[in-house]
Each structure stands twice: as structure tokens, then as C-alpha cells.
């Protein structure tokens, strides 16, 4: 359920940073979590989803990247606990991609000065 909400959130947040929509997706995430709660490790998934939701609706690219990196770290811990090596690998790749993008953006900005 959280993955479906997250996919829809990514689509919506790529077109707007409207905070009302952010709050809608926060509520949907909490509702989805409440309906699918399985164990305390599910709290990591909720925390990652909430942080990712807030980050997705930010206008600063840097803020989006930092929040997504923290989200990916939480998902990585979650996936290690439930022992899903492929999911861990996927999150490591997402984290690496974000880090490379952040460094390239920073380098381009420094070169322009």
C-alpha cells in the first residue's frame, strides 16, 4: 500500500509543491500504514514514507535530495531487518544516484562562479 501511495505521490509532486497535497499524502500514508501494520519494523517504513513525502513537496532541489537520501537510508535499514537483499541493493543504488546528482549539481554551481 505504501509503495502505491508513494508512486502516486511522486507523480503529483513532480508537477506541484502544493502543501495541501503534501498533507493529503501524509494522511494517506498514515492511513495506509494503519491498515497494513504488521510489526514494529513497519514503523521504519512509515518514517521513511513520511520523510519522503515532506521532501517530495519541497521546492529546493538540495532539500529534496537530502530528504530522499535519509528516506533511502531508512528503507535500507528496514530491508536489512526483513532480509530483502535485492531491496537493499535497490536503495543503495537510489542513494548513490542521489549523492552523485548532489555532487554534480554542487560542482556545476562552483564552476559557474
PDB file of N, CA and C in Angstrom:
ATOM      1  N   UNK A   1       0.820  -1.192   0.000  1.00  0.00           N
ATOM      2  CA  UNK A   1       0.000   0.000   0.000  1.00  0.00           C
ATOM      3  C   UNK A   1       0.866   1.257   0.000  1.00  0.00           C
ATOM      4  N   UNK A   2       1.909   1.271   0.855  1.00  0.00           N
ATOM      5  CA  UNK A   2       2.773   2.457   0.919  1.00  0.00           C
ATOM      6  C   UNK A   2       3.497   2.689  -0.405  1.00  0.00           C
ATOM      7  N   UNK A   3       3.856   1.625  -1.092  1.00  0.00           N
ATOM      8  CA  UNK A   3       4.531   1.779  -2.384  1.00  0.00           C
ATOM      9  C   UNK A   3       3.586   2.412  -3.410  1.00  0.00           C
ATOM     10  N   UNK A   4       2.331   2.003  -3.407  1.00  0.00           N
ATOM     11  CA  UNK A   4       1.351   2.590  -4.317  1.00  0.00           C
ATOM     12  C   UNK A   4       1.128   4.064  -4.047  1.00  0.00           C
ATOM     13  N   UNK A   5       1.004   4.413  -2.766  1.00  0.00           N
ATOM     14  CA  UNK A   5       0.827   5.816  -2.373  1.00  0.00           C
ATOM     15  C   UNK A   5       2.066   6.618  -2.765  1.00  0.00           C
ATOM     16  N   UNK A   6       3.245   6.024  -2.553  1.00  0.00           N
ATOM     17  CA  UNK A   6       4.497   6.698  -2.896  1.00  0.00           C
ATOM     18  C   UNK A   6       4.604   6.937  -4.403  1.00  0.00           C
ATOM     19  N   UNK A   7       4.218   5.962  -5.195  1.00  0.00           N
ATOM     20  CA  UNK A   7       4.264   6.126  -6.651  1.00  0.00           C
ATOM     21  C   UNK A   7       3.357   7.273  -7.095  1.00  0.00           C
ATOM     22  N   UNK A   8       2.157   7.313  -6.562  1.00  0.00           N
ATOM     23  CA  UNK A   8       1.230   8.397  -6.898  1.00  0.00           C
ATOM     24  C   UNK A   8       1.773   9.739  -6.414  1.00  0.00           C
ATOM     25  N   UNK A   9       2.369   9.731  -5.238  1.00  0.00           N
ATOM     26  CA  UNK A   9       2.958  10.958  -4.685  1.00  0.00           C
ATOM     27  C   UNK A   9       4.066  11.485  -5.588  1.00  0.00           C
ATOM     28  N   UNK A  10       4.918  10.613  -6.102  1.00  0.00           N
ATOM     29  CA  UNK A  10       5.993  11.047  -6.993  1.00  0.00           C
ATOM     30  C   UNK A  10       5.442  11.686  -8.258  1.00  0.00           C
ATOM     31  N   UNK A  11       4.385  11.120  -8.783  1.00  0.00           N
ATOM     32  CA  UNK A  11       3.779  11.697  -9.987  1.00  0.00           C
ATOM     33  C   UNK A  11       3.244  13.091  -9.687  1.00  0.00           C
ATOM     34  N   UNK A  12       2.477  13.213  -8.608  1.00  0.00           N
ATOM     35  CA  UNK A  12       1.861  14.502  -8.256  1.00  0.00           C
ATOM     36  C   UNK A  12       2.931  15.533  -7.910  1.00  0.00           C
ATOM     37  N   UNK A  13       3.911  15.142  -7.098  1.00  0.00           N
ATOM     38  CA  UNK A  13       4.911  16.123  -6.642  1.00  0.00           C
ATOM     39  C   UNK A  13       5.866  16.544  -7.752  1.00  0.00           C
ATOM     40  N   UNK A  14       5.888  15.834  -8.864  1.00  0.00           N
ATOM     41  CA  UNK A  14       6.733  16.277  -9.979  1.00  0.00           C
ATOM     42  C   UNK A  14       6.100  17.456 -10.716  1.00  0.00           C
ATOM     43  N   UNK A  15       4.824  17.732 -10.425  1.00  0.00           N
ATOM     44  CA  UNK A  15       4.127  18.849 -11.056  1.00  0.00           C
ATOM     45  C   UNK A  15       3.814  20.003 -10.109  1.00  0.00           C
ATOM     46  N   UNK A  16       3.871  19.761  -8.793  1.00  0.00           N
ATOM     47  CA  UNK A  16       3.498  20.806  -7.842  1.00  0.00           C
ATOM     48  C   UNK A  16       4.213  20.618  -6.506  1.00  0.00           C
ATOM     49  N   UNK A  17       4.346  21.727  -5.769  1.00  0.00           N
ATOM     50  CA  UNK A  17       4.865  21.669  -4.401  1.00  0.00           C
ATOM     51  C   UNK A  17       3.790  22.134  -3.419  1.00  0.00           C
ATOM     52  N   UNK A  18       2.546  22.051  -3.827  1.00  0.00           N
ATOM     53  CA  UNK A  18       1.402  22.494  -3.026  1.00  0.00           C
ATOM     54  C   UNK A  18       1.376  21.756  -1.679  1.00  0.00           C
ATOM     55  N   UNK A  19       1.436  22.518  -0.589  1.00  0.00           N
ATOM     56  CA  UNK A  19       1.498  21.903   0.738  1.00  0.00           C
ATOM     57  C   UNK A  19       0.203  21.180   1.119  1.00  0.00           C
ATOM     58  N   UNK A  20      -0.930  21.595   0.553  1.00  0.00           N
ATOM     59  CA  UNK A  20      -2.182  20.883   0.846  1.00  0.00           C
ATOM     60  C   UNK A  20      -2.119  19.455   0.307  1.00  0.00           C
ATOM     61  N   UNK A  21      -1.515  19.295  -0.859  1.00  0.00           N
ATOM     62  CA  UNK A  21      -1.352  17.946  -1.410  1.00  0.00           C
ATOM     63  C   UNK A  21      -0.360  17.141  -0.588  1.00  0.00           C
ATOM     64  N   UNK A  22       0.665  17.817  -0.077  1.00  0.00           N
ATOM     65  CA  UNK A  22       1.616  17.136   0.797  1.00  0.00           C
ATOM     66  C   UNK A  22       0.884  16.562   2.012  1.00  0.00           C
ATOM     67  N   UNK A  23       0.032  17.383   2.638  1.00  0.00           N
ATOM     68  CA  UNK A  23      -0.710  16.913   3.810  1.00  0.00           C
ATOM     69  C   UNK A  23      -1.672  15.789   3.454  1.00  0.00           C
ATOM     70  N   UNK A  24      -2.250  15.845   2.268  1.00  0.00           N
ATOM     71  CA  UNK A  24      -3.117  14.753   1.811  1.00  0.00           C
ATOM     72  C   UNK A  24      -2.325  13.457   1.724  1.00  0.00           C
ATOM     73  N   UNK A  25      -1.129  13.508   1.142  1.00  0.00           N
ATOM     74  CA  UNK A  25      -0.315  12.296   1.021  1.00  0.00           C
ATOM     75  C   UNK A  25       0.233  11.833   2.368  1.00  0.00           C
ATOM     76  N   UNK A  26       0.495  12.760   3.279  1.00  0.00           N
ATOM     77  CA  UNK A  26       0.878  12.361   4.636  1.00  0.00           C
ATOM     78  C   UNK A  26      -0.261  11.585   5.292  1.00  0.00           C
ATOM     79  N   UNK A  27      -1.489  12.095   5.154  1.00  0.00           N
ATOM     80  CA  UNK A  27      -2.658  11.421   5.735  1.00  0.00           C
ATOM     81  C   UNK A  27      -2.885  10.058   5.074  1.00  0.00           C
ATOM     82  N   UNK A  28      -2.755  10.004   3.751  1.00  0.00           N
ATOM     83  CA  UNK A  28      -2.916   8.719   3.052  1.00  0.00           C
ATOM     84  C   UNK A  28      -1.877   7.702   3.519  1.00  0.00           C
ATOM     85  N   UNK A  29      -0.663   8.165   3.741  1.00  0.00           N
ATOM     86  CA  UNK A  29       0.405   7.271   4.201  1.00  0.00           C
ATOM     87  C   UNK A  29       0.120   6.731   5.592  1.00  0.00           C
ATOM     88  N   UNK A  30      -0.312   7.606   6.486  1.00  0.00           N
ATOM     89  CA  UNK A  30      -0.640   7.159   7.850  1.00  0.00           C
ATOM     90  C   UNK A  30      -1.832   6.195   7.809  1.00  0.00           C
ATOM     91  N   UNK A  31      -2.826   6.508   6.983  1.00  0.00           N
ATOM     92  CA  UNK A  31      -3.980   5.617   6.845  1.00  0.00           C
ATOM     93  C   UNK A  31      -3.589   4.266   6.276  1.00  0.00           C
ATOM     94  N   UNK A  32      -2.757   4.273   5.240  1.00  0.00           N
ATOM     95  CA  UNK A  32      -2.282   3.018   4.662  1.00  0.00           C
ATOM     96  C   UNK A  32      -1.469   2.215   5.654  1.00  0.00           C
ATOM     97  N   UNK A  33      -0.651   2.909   6.429  1.00  0.00           N
ATOM     98  CA  UNK A  33       0.129   2.250   7.474  1.00  0.00           C
ATOM     99  C   UNK A  33      -0.796   1.598   8.505  1.00  0.00           C
ATOM    100  N   UNK A  34      -1.813   2.331   8.933  1.00  0.00           N
ATOM    101  CA  UNK A  34      -2.740   1.804   9.941  1.00  0.00           C
ATOM    102  C   UNK A  34      -3.465   0.552   9.436  1.00  0.00           C
ATOM    103  N   UNK A  35      -3.784   0.541   8.161  1.00  0.00           N
ATOM    104  CA  UNK A  35      -4.492  -0.609   7.589  1.00  0.00           C
ATOM    105  C   UNK A  35      -3.593  -1.826   7.389  1.00  0.00           C
ATOM    106  N   UNK A  36      -2.298  -1.602   7.207  1.00  0.00           N
ATOM    107  CA  UNK A  36      -1.401  -2.708   6.870  1.00  0.00           C
ATOM    108  C   UNK A  36      -0.352  -2.989   7.942  1.00  0.00           C
ATOM    109  N   UNK A  37      -0.461  -2.375   9.110  1.00  0.00           N
ATOM    110  CA  UNK A  37       0.540  -2.558  10.166  1.00  0.00           C
ATOM    111  C   UNK A  37       0.762  -4.045  10.429  1.00  0.00           C
ATOM    112  N   UNK A  38       2.050  -4.430  10.487  1.00  0.00           N
ATOM    113  CA  UNK A  38       2.381  -5.834  10.683  1.00  0.00           C
ATOM    114  C   UNK A  38       3.226  -6.056  11.932  1.00  0.00           C
ATOM    115  N   UNK A  39       4.219  -5.202  12.122  1.00  0.00           N
ATOM    116  CA  UNK A  39       5.137  -5.349  13.252  1.00  0.00           C
ATOM    117  C   UNK A  39       5.829  -4.011  13.489  1.00  0.00           C
ATOM    118  N   UNK A  40       6.573  -3.900  14.592  1.00  0.00           N
ATOM    119  CA  UNK A  40       7.274  -2.629  14.857  1.00  0.00           C
ATOM    120  C   UNK A  40       8.215  -2.188  13.738  1.00  0.00           C
ATOM    121  N   UNK A  41       8.747  -3.123  12.962  1.00  0.00           N
ATOM    122  CA  UNK A  41       9.629  -2.734  11.851  1.00  0.00           C
ATOM    123  C   UNK A  41       8.857  -1.914  10.810  1.00  0.00           C
ATOM    124  N   UNK A  42       7.549  -2.048  10.812  1.00  0.00           N
ATOM    125  CA  UNK A  42       6.713  -1.249   9.902  1.00  0.00           C
ATOM    126  C   UNK A  42       6.838   0.240  10.196  1.00  0.00           C
ATOM    127  N   UNK A  43       7.219   0.585  11.416  1.00  0.00           N
ATOM    128  CA  UNK A  43       7.403   1.994  11.772  1.00  0.00           C
ATOM    129  C   UNK A  43       8.539   2.633  10.962  1.00  0.00           C
ATOM    130  N   UNK A  44       9.555   1.825  10.613  1.00  0.00           N
ATOM    131  CA  UNK A  44      10.630   2.350   9.753  1.00  0.00           C
ATOM    132  C   UNK A  44      10.082   2.702   8.377  1.00  0.00           C
ATOM    133  N   UNK A  45       9.224   1.852   7.855  1.00  0.00           N
ATOM    134  CA  UNK A  45       8.607   2.121   6.551  1.00  0.00           C
ATOM    135  C   UNK A  45       7.758   3.385   6.617  1.00  0.00           C
ATOM    136  N   UNK A  46       7.009   3.550   7.699  1.00  0.00           N
ATOM    137  CA  UNK A  46       6.191   4.751   7.855  1.00  0.00           C
ATOM    138  C   UNK A  46       7.074   5.987   7.949  1.00  0.00           C
ATOM    139  N   UNK A  47       8.111   5.932   8.770  1.00  0.00           N
ATOM    140  CA  UNK A  47       9.006   7.086   8.915  1.00  0.00           C
ATOM    141  C   UNK A  47       9.635   7.454   7.572  1.00  0.00           C
ATOM    142  N   UNK A  48      10.099   6.459   6.833  1.00  0.00           N
ATOM    143  CA  UNK A  48      10.697   6.717   5.518  1.00  0.00           C
ATOM    144  C   UNK A  48       9.683   7.347   4.576  1.00  0.00           C
ATOM    145  N   UNK A  49       8.466   6.839   4.606  1.00  0.00           N
ATOM    146  CA  UNK A  49       7.428   7.364   3.720  1.00  0.00           C
ATOM    147  C   UNK A  49       7.058   8.795   4.084  1.00  0.00           C
ATOM    148  N   UNK A  50       6.950   9.094   5.368  1.00  0.00           N
ATOM    149  CA  UNK A  50       6.594  10.453   5.791  1.00  0.00           C
ATOM    150  C   UNK A  50       7.692  11.455   5.446  1.00  0.00           C
ATOM    151  N   UNK A  51       8.941  11.075   5.702  1.00  0.00           N
ATOM    152  CA  UNK A  51      10.051  11.969   5.365  1.00  0.00           C
ATOM    153  C   UNK A  51      10.115  12.182   3.849  1.00  0.00           C
ATOM    154  N   UNK A  52       9.935  11.104   3.100  1.00  0.00           N
ATOM    155  CA  UNK A  52       9.934  11.210   1.649  1.00  0.00           C
ATOM    156  C   UNK A  52       8.808  12.081   1.124  1.00  0.00           C
ATOM    157  N   UNK A  53       7.662  12.014   1.786  1.00  0.00           N
ATOM    158  CA  UNK A  53       6.520  12.836   1.373  1.00  0.00           C
ATOM    159  C   UNK A  53       6.819  14.309   1.585  1.00  0.00           C
ATOM    160  N   UNK A  54       7.330  14.643   2.752  1.00  0.00           N
ATOM    161  CA  UNK A  54       7.673  16.042   3.023  1.00  0.00           C
ATOM    162  C   UNK A  54       8.743  16.515   2.033  1.00  0.00           C
ATOM    163  N   UNK A  55       9.745  15.685   1.804  1.00  0.00           N
ATOM    164  CA  UNK A  55      10.809  16.054   0.882  1.00  0.00           C
ATOM    165  C   UNK A  55      10.345  16.225  -0.553  1.00  0.00           C
ATOM    166  N   UNK A  56       9.414  15.403  -0.977  1.00  0.00           N
ATOM    167  CA  UNK A  56       8.935  15.455  -2.359  1.00  0.00           C
ATOM    168  C   UNK A  56       8.246  16.765  -2.704  1.00  0.00           C
ATOM    169  N   UNK A  57       7.683  17.414  -1.715  1.00  0.00           N
ATOM    170  CA  UNK A  57       6.934  18.644  -1.973  1.00  0.00           C
ATOM    171  C   UNK A  57       7.742  19.913  -1.656  1.00  0.00           C
ATOM    172  N   UNK A  58       9.054  19.781  -1.578  1.00  0.00           N
ATOM    173  CA  UNK A  58       9.916  20.939  -1.350  1.00  0.00           C
ATOM    174  C   UNK A  58      10.342  21.538  -2.684  1.00  0.00           C
ATOM    175  N   UNK A  59      10.566  22.840  -2.709  1.00  0.00           N
ATOM    176  CA  UNK A  59      10.953  23.497  -3.961  1.00  0.00           C
ATOM    177  C   UNK A  59      12.464  23.501  -4.174  1.00  0.00           C
ATOM    178  N   UNK A  60      13.237  23.317  -3.125  1.00  0.00           N
ATOM    179  CA  UNK A  60      14.698  23.314  -3.237  1.00  0.00           C
ATOM    180  C   UNK A  60      15.193  21.918  -3.629  1.00  0.00           C
ATOM    181  N   UNK A  61      15.931  21.863  -4.731  1.00  0.00           N
ATOM    182  CA  UNK A  61      16.459  20.571  -5.189  1.00  0.00           C
ATOM    183  C   UNK A  61      17.352  19.941  -4.122  1.00  0.00           C
ATOM    184  N   UNK A  62      18.130  20.763  -3.445  1.00  0.00           N
ATOM    185  CA  UNK A  62      19.029  20.267  -2.403  1.00  0.00           C
ATOM    186  C   UNK A  62      18.243  19.635  -1.253  1.00  0.00           C
ATOM    187  N   UNK A  63      17.183  20.288  -0.840  1.00  0.00           N
ATOM    188  CA  UNK A  63      16.345  19.751   0.237  1.00  0.00           C
ATOM    189  C   UNK A  63      15.706  18.436  -0.183  1.00  0.00           C
ATOM    190  N   UNK A  64      15.232  18.384  -1.415  1.00  0.00           N
ATOM    191  CA  UNK A  64      14.632  17.146  -1.922  1.00  0.00           C
ATOM    192  C   UNK A  64      15.661  16.022  -1.889  1.00  0.00           C
ATOM    193  N   UNK A  65      16.857  16.292  -2.366  1.00  0.00           N
ATOM    194  CA  UNK A  65      17.897  15.251  -2.397  1.00  0.00           C
ATOM    195  C   UNK A  65      18.268  14.782  -0.992  1.00  0.00           C
ATOM    196  N   UNK A  66      18.445  15.709  -0.055  1.00  0.00           N
ATOM    197  CA  UNK A  66      18.804  15.310   1.311  1.00  0.00           C
ATOM    198  C   UNK A  66      17.694  14.491   1.977  1.00  0.00           C
ATOM    199  N   UNK A  67      16.451  14.905   1.795  1.00  0.00           N
ATOM    200  CA  UNK A  67      15.361  14.127   2.410  1.00  0.00           C
ATOM    201  C   UNK A  67      15.236  12.763   1.750  1.00  0.00           C
ATOM    202  N   UNK A  68      15.433  12.694   0.442  1.00  0.00           N
ATOM    203  CA  UNK A  68      15.351  11.391  -0.233  1.00  0.00           C
ATOM    204  C   UNK A  68      16.488  10.474   0.212  1.00  0.00           C
ATOM    205  N   UNK A  69      17.660  11.038   0.450  1.00  0.00           N
ATOM    206  CA  UNK A  69      18.774  10.221   0.923  1.00  0.00           C
ATOM    207  C   UNK A  69      18.497   9.669   2.316  1.00  0.00           C
ATOM    208  N   UNK A  70      17.884  10.464   3.177  1.00  0.00           N
ATOM    209  CA  UNK A  70      17.538   9.940   4.504  1.00  0.00           C
ATOM    210  C   UNK A  70      16.427   8.901   4.398  1.00  0.00           C
ATOM    211  N   UNK A  71      15.509   9.112   3.470  1.00  0.00           N
ATOM    212  CA  UNK A  71      14.453   8.128   3.230  1.00  0.00           C
ATOM    213  C   UNK A  71      15.054   6.810   2.760  1.00  0.00           C
ATOM    214  N   UNK A  72      15.981   6.892   1.832  1.00  0.00           N
ATOM    215  CA  UNK A  72      16.609   5.683   1.298  1.00  0.00           C
ATOM    216  C   UNK A  72      17.410   4.949   2.374  1.00  0.00           C
ATOM    217  N   UNK A  73      18.044   5.698   3.270  1.00  0.00           N
ATOM    218  CA  UNK A  73      18.782   5.070   4.368  1.00  0.00           C
ATOM    219  C   UNK A  73      17.821   4.308   5.286  1.00  0.00           C
ATOM    220  N   UNK A  74      16.678   4.922   5.604  1.00  0.00           N
ATOM    221  CA  UNK A  74      15.693   4.233   6.448  1.00  0.00           C
ATOM    222  C   UNK A  74      15.144   2.982   5.768  1.00  0.00           C
ATOM    223  N   UNK A  75      14.846   3.089   4.471  1.00  0.00           N
ATOM    224  CA  UNK A  75      14.366   1.910   3.738  1.00  0.00           C
ATOM    225  C   UNK A  75      15.436   0.824   3.704  1.00  0.00           C
ATOM    226  N   UNK A  76      16.683   1.219   3.603  1.00  0.00           N
ATOM    227  CA  UNK A  76      17.775   0.249   3.586  1.00  0.00           C
ATOM    228  C   UNK A  76      17.831  -0.512   4.916  1.00  0.00           C
ATOM    229  N   UNK A  77      17.729   0.205   6.020  1.00  0.00           N
ATOM    230  CA  UNK A  77      17.700  -0.442   7.343  1.00  0.00           C
ATOM    231  C   UNK A  77      16.487  -1.362   7.441  1.00  0.00           C
ATOM    232  N   UNK A  78      15.335  -0.876   7.027  1.00  0.00           N
ATOM    233  CA  UNK A  78      14.114  -1.692   7.042  1.00  0.00           C
ATOM    234  C   UNK A  78      14.319  -2.985   6.253  1.00  0.00           C
ATOM    235  N   UNK A  79      14.867  -2.845   5.047  1.00  0.00           N
ATOM    236  CA  UNK A  79      15.043  -4.007   4.183  1.00  0.00           C
ATOM    237  C   UNK A  79      16.108  -4.963   4.692  1.00  0.00           C
ATOM    238  N   UNK A  80      17.097  -4.444   5.408  1.00  0.00           N
ATOM    239  CA  UNK A  80      18.073  -5.327   6.060  1.00  0.00           C
ATOM    240  C   UNK A  80      17.399  -6.128   7.175  1.00  0.00           C
ATOM    241  N   UNK A  81      16.574  -5.467   7.973  1.00  0.00           N
ATOM    242  CA  UNK A  81      15.900  -6.147   9.086  1.00  0.00           C
ATOM    243  C   UNK A  81      14.986  -7.261   8.578  1.00  0.00           C
ATOM    244  N   UNK A  82      14.246  -6.997   7.512  1.00  0.00           N
ATOM    245  CA  UNK A  82      13.336  -8.027   6.996  1.00  0.00           C
ATOM    246  C   UNK A  82      14.043  -8.968   6.021  1.00  0.00           C
ATOM    247  N   UNK A  83      15.307  -8.759   5.824  1.00  0.00           N
ATOM    248  CA  UNK A  83      16.193  -9.526   4.963  1.00  0.00           C
ATOM    249  C   UNK A  83      15.650  -9.634   3.538  1.00  0.00           C
ATOM    250  N   UNK A  84      15.770  -8.499   2.851  1.00  0.00           N
ATOM    251  CA  UNK A  84      15.419  -8.407   1.443  1.00  0.00           C
ATOM    252  C   UNK A  84      16.625  -7.821   0.703  1.00  0.00           C
ATOM    253  N   UNK A  85      17.607  -8.676   0.372  1.00  0.00           N
ATOM    254  CA  UNK A  85      18.860  -8.183  -0.215  1.00  0.00           C
ATOM    255  C   UNK A  85      18.669  -7.399  -1.510  1.00  0.00           C
ATOM    256  N   UNK A  86      17.739  -7.794  -2.345  1.00  0.00           N
ATOM    257  CA  UNK A  86      17.511  -7.074  -3.600  1.00  0.00           C
ATOM    258  C   UNK A  86      16.997  -5.661  -3.308  1.00  0.00           C
ATOM    259  N   UNK A  87      16.092  -5.533  -2.342  1.00  0.00           N
ATOM    260  CA  UNK A  87      15.569  -4.217  -1.967  1.00  0.00           C
ATOM    261  C   UNK A  87      16.680  -3.356  -1.364  1.00  0.00           C
ATOM    262  N   UNK A  88      17.577  -3.959  -0.581  1.00  0.00           N
ATOM    263  CA  UNK A  88      18.716  -3.215  -0.032  1.00  0.00           C
ATOM    264  C   UNK A  88      19.574  -2.687  -1.176  1.00  0.00           C
ATOM    265  N   UNK A  89      19.864  -3.551  -2.135  1.00  0.00           N
ATOM    266  CA  UNK A  89      20.663  -3.133  -3.292  1.00  0.00           C
ATOM    267  C   UNK A  89      20.011  -1.999  -4.055  1.00  0.00           C
ATOM    268  N   UNK A  90      18.696  -2.096  -4.230  1.00  0.00           N
ATOM    269  CA  UNK A  90      17.960  -1.051  -4.935  1.00  0.00           C
ATOM    270  C   UNK A  90      18.084   0.290  -4.204  1.00  0.00           C
ATOM    271  N   UNK A  91      17.918   0.278  -2.885  1.00  0.00           N
ATOM    272  CA  UNK A  91      18.015   1.517  -2.106  1.00  0.00           C
ATOM    273  C   UNK A  91      19.434   2.071  -2.117  1.00  0.00           C
ATOM    274  N   UNK A  92      20.431   1.197  -2.093  1.00  0.00           N
ATOM    275  CA  UNK A  92      21.827   1.656  -2.173  1.00  0.00           C
ATOM    276  C   UNK A  92      22.060   2.350  -3.511  1.00  0.00           C
ATOM    277  N   UNK A  93      21.506   1.786  -4.591  1.00  0.00           N
ATOM    278  CA  UNK A  93      21.642   2.429  -5.902  1.00  0.00           C
ATOM    279  C   UNK A  93      20.921   3.768  -5.956  1.00  0.00           C
ATOM    280  N   UNK A  94      19.713   3.851  -5.384  1.00  0.00           N
ATOM    281  CA  UNK A  94      18.990   5.128  -5.337  1.00  0.00           C
ATOM    282  C   UNK A  94      19.792   6.162  -4.550  1.00  0.00           C
ATOM    283  N   UNK A  95      20.324   5.739  -3.388  1.00  0.00           N
ATOM    284  CA  UNK A  95      21.116   6.640  -2.550  1.00  0.00           C
ATOM    285  C   UNK A  95      22.345   7.139  -3.323  1.00  0.00           C
ATOM    286  N   UNK A  96      23.039   6.208  -3.990  1.00  0.00           N
ATOM    287  CA  UNK A  96      24.229   6.572  -4.760  1.00  0.00           C
ATOM    288  C   UNK A  96      23.885   7.539  -5.882  1.00  0.00           C
ATOM    289  N   UNK A  97      22.789   7.286  -6.564  1.00  0.00           N
ATOM    290  CA  UNK A  97      22.351   8.166  -7.641  1.00  0.00           C
ATOM    291  C   UNK A  97      22.070   9.569  -7.125  1.00  0.00           C
ATOM    292  N   UNK A  98      21.385   9.648  -5.989  1.00  0.00           N
ATOM    293  CA  UNK A  98      21.099  10.953  -5.379  1.00  0.00           C
ATOM    294  C   UNK A  98      22.384  11.660  -4.981  1.00  0.00           C
ATOM    295  N   UNK A  99      23.316  10.920  -4.397  1.00  0.00           N
ATOM    296  CA  UNK A  99      24.581  11.508  -3.967  1.00  0.00           C
ATOM    297  C   UNK A  99      25.370  12.030  -5.165  1.00  0.00           C
ATOM    298  N   UNK A 100      25.431  11.256  -6.228  1.00  0.00           N
ATOM    299  CA  UNK A 100      26.131  11.693  -7.443  1.00  0.00           C
ATOM    300  C   UNK A 100      25.475  12.951  -8.015  1.00  0.00           C
ATOM    301  N   UNK A 101      24.146  12.961  -8.068  1.00  0.00           N
ATOM    302  CA  UNK A 101      23.434  14.144  -8.559  1.00  0.00           C
ATOM    303  C   UNK A 101      23.712  15.370  -7.709  1.00  0.00           C
ATOM    304  N   UNK A 102      23.738  15.177  -6.399  1.00  0.00           N
ATOM    305  CA  UNK A 102      24.015  16.287  -5.482  1.00  0.00           C
ATOM    306  C   UNK A 102      25.426  16.823  -5.707  1.00  0.00           C
ATOM    307  N   UNK A 103      26.383  15.923  -5.832  1.00  0.00           N
ATOM    308  CA  UNK A 103      27.776  16.343  -6.046  1.00  0.00           C
ATOM    309  C   UNK A 103      27.949  17.019  -7.405  1.00  0.00           C
ATOM    310  N   UNK A 104      27.303  16.501  -8.441  1.00  0.00           N
ATOM    311  CA  UNK A 104      27.393  17.119  -9.769  1.00  0.00           C
ATOM    312  C   UNK A 104      26.762  18.506  -9.771  1.00  0.00           C
ATOM    313  N   UNK A 105      25.631  18.645  -9.096  1.00  0.00           N
ATOM    314  CA  UNK A 105      24.972  19.949  -9.019  1.00  0.00           C
ATOM    315  C   UNK A 105      25.863  20.949  -8.288  1.00  0.00           C
ATOM    316  N   UNK A 106      26.472  20.505  -7.230  1.00  0.00           N
ATOM    317  CA  UNK A 106      27.358  21.372  -6.451  1.00  0.00           C
ATOM    318  C   UNK A 106      28.587  21.766  -7.259  1.00  0.00           C
ATOM    319  N   UNK A 107      29.171  20.799  -7.982  1.00  0.00           N
ATOM    320  CA  UNK A 107      30.326  21.073  -8.815  1.00  0.00           C
ATOM    321  C   UNK A 107      29.988  22.045  -9.941  1.00  0.00           C
ATOM    322  N   UNK A 108      28.835  21.880 -10.553  1.00  0.00           N
ATOM    323  CA  UNK A 108      28.413  22.779 -11.639  1.00  0.00           C
ATOM    324  C   UNK A 108      28.221  24.193 -11.107  1.00  0.00           C
ATOM    325  N   UNK A 109      27.674  24.322  -9.915  1.00  0.00           N
ATOM    326  CA  UNK A 109      27.474  25.623  -9.304  1.00  0.00           C
ATOM    327  C   UNK A 109      28.803  26.289  -8.990  1.00  0.00           C
ATOM    328  N   UNK A 110      29.762  25.521  -8.488  1.00  0.00           N
ATOM    329  CA  UNK A 110      31.085  26.078  -8.170  1.00  0.00           C
ATOM    330  C   UNK A 110      31.834  26.484  -9.433  1.00  0.00           C
ATOM    331  N   UNK A 111      31.674  25.712 -10.502  1.00  0.00           N
ATOM    332  CA  UNK A 111      32.331  26.013 -11.776  1.00  0.00           C
ATOM    333  C   UNK A 111      31.764  27.298 -12.372  1.00  0.00           C
ATOM    334  N   UNK A 112      30.463  27.514 -12.201  1.00  0.00           N
ATOM    335  CA  UNK A 112      29.799  28.694 -12.745  1.00  0.00           C
ATOM    336  C   UNK A 112      30.250  29.966 -12.033  1.00  0.00           C
ATOM    337  N   UNK A 113      30.694  29.831 -10.793  1.00  0.00           N
ATOM    338  CA  UNK A 113      31.137  31.019 -10.051  1.00  0.00           C
ATOM    339  C   UNK A 113      32.516  31.374 -10.511  1.00  0.00           C
TER     340      UNK A 113
END
